[in-house]
């Protein structure tokens, strides 16, 4: 994939998720993939800088691991509830505004 911003995501988490699921700021996964040499404690600062930049609209940011797991375990089209749009490919088929590079990003 040519666009490095679309290959992973950042997950915004609360303090309970930070303690049990995302220690060492692993929820800033996109930032880690873009600049792997940044120490983990500086990933929140890097996230803030990136969100002020021109690529913020293309970044995948989810709110909580419950949402991420829900997207990752979504049922196929035939088994899903009618009208439920769970990934970019389906958003694109449904007529939503999705850039071409986002269509293959999975979810």
C-alpha atoms as a PDB file:
ATOM      1  CA  UNK A   1       0.000   0.000   0.000  1.00  0.00           C
ATOM      2  CA  UNK A   2       1.433   3.363  -0.991  1.00  0.00           C
ATOM      3  CA  UNK A   3      -0.172   5.375   1.832  1.00  0.00           C
ATOM      4  CA  UNK A   4       1.543   4.548   5.136  1.00  0.00           C
ATOM      5  CA  UNK A   5      -1.218   6.220   7.137  1.00  0.00           C
ATOM      6  CA  UNK A   6      -3.840   3.632   6.155  1.00  0.00           C
ATOM      7  CA  UNK A   7      -2.013   0.451   7.156  1.00  0.00           C
ATOM      8  CA  UNK A   8      -2.836   0.616  10.893  1.00  0.00           C
ATOM      9  CA  UNK A   9      -4.717   2.724  13.409  1.00  0.00           C
ATOM     10  CA  UNK A  10      -4.548   4.607  16.666  1.00  0.00           C
ATOM     11  CA  UNK A  11      -6.990   3.642  19.397  1.00  0.00           C
ATOM     12  CA  UNK A  12      -8.104   6.217  21.923  1.00  0.00           C
ATOM     13  CA  UNK A  13      -8.364   4.497  25.304  1.00  0.00           C
ATOM     14  CA  UNK A  14      -9.439   5.209  28.858  1.00  0.00           C
ATOM     15  CA  UNK A  15      -7.301   4.595  31.905  1.00  0.00           C
ATOM     16  CA  UNK A  16      -8.533   1.028  32.464  1.00  0.00           C
ATOM     17  CA  UNK A  17      -7.637   0.039  28.901  1.00  0.00           C
ATOM     18  CA  UNK A  18      -4.304   1.831  29.261  1.00  0.00           C
ATOM     19  CA  UNK A  19      -3.460  -0.257  32.318  1.00  0.00           C
ATOM     20  CA  UNK A  20      -4.647  -3.672  31.162  1.00  0.00           C
ATOM     21  CA  UNK A  21      -4.575  -3.631  27.347  1.00  0.00           C
ATOM     22  CA  UNK A  22      -2.321  -0.832  26.151  1.00  0.00           C
ATOM     23  CA  UNK A  23       0.693  -0.396  28.430  1.00  0.00           C
ATOM     24  CA  UNK A  24       3.647   1.534  27.043  1.00  0.00           C
ATOM     25  CA  UNK A  25       1.294   3.493  24.758  1.00  0.00           C
ATOM     26  CA  UNK A  26       0.771   0.593  22.339  1.00  0.00           C
ATOM     27  CA  UNK A  27      -2.580   2.157  21.442  1.00  0.00           C
ATOM     28  CA  UNK A  28      -0.590   4.689  19.367  1.00  0.00           C
ATOM     29  CA  UNK A  29       0.125   1.987  16.819  1.00  0.00           C
ATOM     30  CA  UNK A  30      -0.083   4.213  13.734  1.00  0.00           C
ATOM     31  CA  UNK A  31       2.429   6.648  15.171  1.00  0.00           C
ATOM     32  CA  UNK A  32       4.742   3.763  16.056  1.00  0.00           C
ATOM     33  CA  UNK A  33       4.598   2.448  12.480  1.00  0.00           C
ATOM     34  CA  UNK A  34       5.274   5.869  10.982  1.00  0.00           C
ATOM     35  CA  UNK A  35       8.232   6.666  13.251  1.00  0.00           C
ATOM     36  CA  UNK A  36       9.341   3.494  15.035  1.00  0.00           C
ATOM     37  CA  UNK A  37      12.352   5.189  16.609  1.00  0.00           C
ATOM     38  CA  UNK A  38      10.214   7.505  18.791  1.00  0.00           C
ATOM     39  CA  UNK A  39      10.249   6.336  22.432  1.00  0.00           C
ATOM     40  CA  UNK A  40       6.888   5.010  23.625  1.00  0.00           C
ATOM     41  CA  UNK A  41       6.409   7.823  26.144  1.00  0.00           C
ATOM     42  CA  UNK A  42       6.577  10.387  23.306  1.00  0.00           C
ATOM     43  CA  UNK A  43       3.928   8.702  21.116  1.00  0.00           C
ATOM     44  CA  UNK A  44       1.071  10.817  22.562  1.00  0.00           C
ATOM     45  CA  UNK A  45       3.009  13.979  21.629  1.00  0.00           C
ATOM     46  CA  UNK A  46       3.638  12.615  18.138  1.00  0.00           C
ATOM     47  CA  UNK A  47      -0.079  11.841  17.811  1.00  0.00           C
ATOM     48  CA  UNK A  48      -0.948  15.438  18.731  1.00  0.00           C
ATOM     49  CA  UNK A  49       1.510  16.762  16.137  1.00  0.00           C
ATOM     50  CA  UNK A  50       0.152  14.472  13.412  1.00  0.00           C
ATOM     51  CA  UNK A  51      -3.449  15.422  14.218  1.00  0.00           C
ATOM     52  CA  UNK A  52      -2.601  19.078  13.553  1.00  0.00           C
ATOM     53  CA  UNK A  53      -1.069  18.198  10.170  1.00  0.00           C
ATOM     54  CA  UNK A  54      -2.534  17.782   6.696  1.00  0.00           C
ATOM     55  CA  UNK A  55      -2.891  13.987   6.966  1.00  0.00           C
ATOM     56  CA  UNK A  56      -5.131  13.979  10.051  1.00  0.00           C
ATOM     57  CA  UNK A  57      -8.296  13.378   8.007  1.00  0.00           C
ATOM     58  CA  UNK A  58      -6.810  10.206   6.504  1.00  0.00           C
ATOM     59  CA  UNK A  59      -5.665   8.710   9.803  1.00  0.00           C
ATOM     60  CA  UNK A  60      -7.646   5.795  11.226  1.00  0.00           C
ATOM     61  CA  UNK A  61      -8.504   6.630  14.846  1.00  0.00           C
ATOM     62  CA  UNK A  62     -10.937   4.433  16.778  1.00  0.00           C
ATOM     63  CA  UNK A  63     -12.439   5.104  20.193  1.00  0.00           C
ATOM     64  CA  UNK A  64     -11.666   2.115  22.415  1.00  0.00           C
ATOM     65  CA  UNK A  65     -10.657  -1.484  21.873  1.00  0.00           C
ATOM     66  CA  UNK A  66     -14.273  -2.622  22.066  1.00  0.00           C
ATOM     67  CA  UNK A  67     -14.893  -0.780  18.789  1.00  0.00           C
ATOM     68  CA  UNK A  68     -11.709  -2.182  17.239  1.00  0.00           C
ATOM     69  CA  UNK A  69     -12.680  -5.734  18.185  1.00  0.00           C
ATOM     70  CA  UNK A  70     -16.181  -5.168  16.861  1.00  0.00           C
ATOM     71  CA  UNK A  71     -14.782  -4.080  13.507  1.00  0.00           C
ATOM     72  CA  UNK A  72     -12.286  -6.934  13.414  1.00  0.00           C
ATOM     73  CA  UNK A  73     -14.937  -9.556  14.093  1.00  0.00           C
ATOM     74  CA  UNK A  74     -17.662  -8.180  11.829  1.00  0.00           C
ATOM     75  CA  UNK A  75     -19.766 -10.740  10.026  1.00  0.00           C
ATOM     76  CA  UNK A  76     -19.692 -11.127   6.230  1.00  0.00           C
ATOM     77  CA  UNK A  77     -22.191  -9.076   4.220  1.00  0.00           C
ATOM     78  CA  UNK A  78     -24.652 -11.952   3.893  1.00  0.00           C
ATOM     79  CA  UNK A  79     -24.777 -12.546   7.664  1.00  0.00           C
ATOM     80  CA  UNK A  80     -24.686  -8.949   8.862  1.00  0.00           C
ATOM     81  CA  UNK A  81     -27.654  -6.827   9.904  1.00  0.00           C
ATOM     82  CA  UNK A  82     -29.074  -4.835   6.984  1.00  0.00           C
ATOM     83  CA  UNK A  83     -27.740  -1.309   6.874  1.00  0.00           C
ATOM     84  CA  UNK A  84     -24.759  -1.950   9.129  1.00  0.00           C
ATOM     85  CA  UNK A  85     -21.633  -0.571   7.497  1.00  0.00           C
ATOM     86  CA  UNK A  86     -18.514  -1.807   9.268  1.00  0.00           C
ATOM     87  CA  UNK A  87     -15.527  -1.278   6.999  1.00  0.00           C
ATOM     88  CA  UNK A  88     -14.232   1.073   4.322  1.00  0.00           C
ATOM     89  CA  UNK A  89     -14.890  -1.320   1.443  1.00  0.00           C
ATOM     90  CA  UNK A  90     -18.534  -1.570   2.479  1.00  0.00           C
ATOM     91  CA  UNK A  91     -18.721   2.178   3.090  1.00  0.00           C
ATOM     92  CA  UNK A  92     -17.497   2.693  -0.471  1.00  0.00           C
ATOM     93  CA  UNK A  93     -20.038   0.219  -1.894  1.00  0.00           C
ATOM     94  CA  UNK A  94     -22.712   1.967   0.142  1.00  0.00           C
ATOM     95  CA  UNK A  95     -21.907   5.286  -1.524  1.00  0.00           C
ATOM     96  CA  UNK A  96     -20.053   6.939   1.362  1.00  0.00           C
ATOM     97  CA  UNK A  97     -17.141   9.239   0.581  1.00  0.00           C
ATOM     98  CA  UNK A  98     -14.102   6.980   0.849  1.00  0.00           C
ATOM     99  CA  UNK A  99     -10.850   7.689  -0.929  1.00  0.00           C
ATOM    100  CA  UNK A 100      -9.568   4.968  -3.270  1.00  0.00           C
ATOM    101  CA  UNK A 101      -6.557   4.256  -1.023  1.00  0.00           C
ATOM    102  CA  UNK A 102      -8.864   3.741   1.975  1.00  0.00           C
ATOM    103  CA  UNK A 103     -11.101   1.170   0.261  1.00  0.00           C
ATOM    104  CA  UNK A 104      -8.615  -1.673   0.685  1.00  0.00           C
ATOM    105  CA  UNK A 105      -7.530  -0.813   4.212  1.00  0.00           C
ATOM    106  CA  UNK A 106      -9.657  -3.519   5.772  1.00  0.00           C
ATOM    107  CA  UNK A 107     -11.582  -1.793   8.549  1.00  0.00           C
END
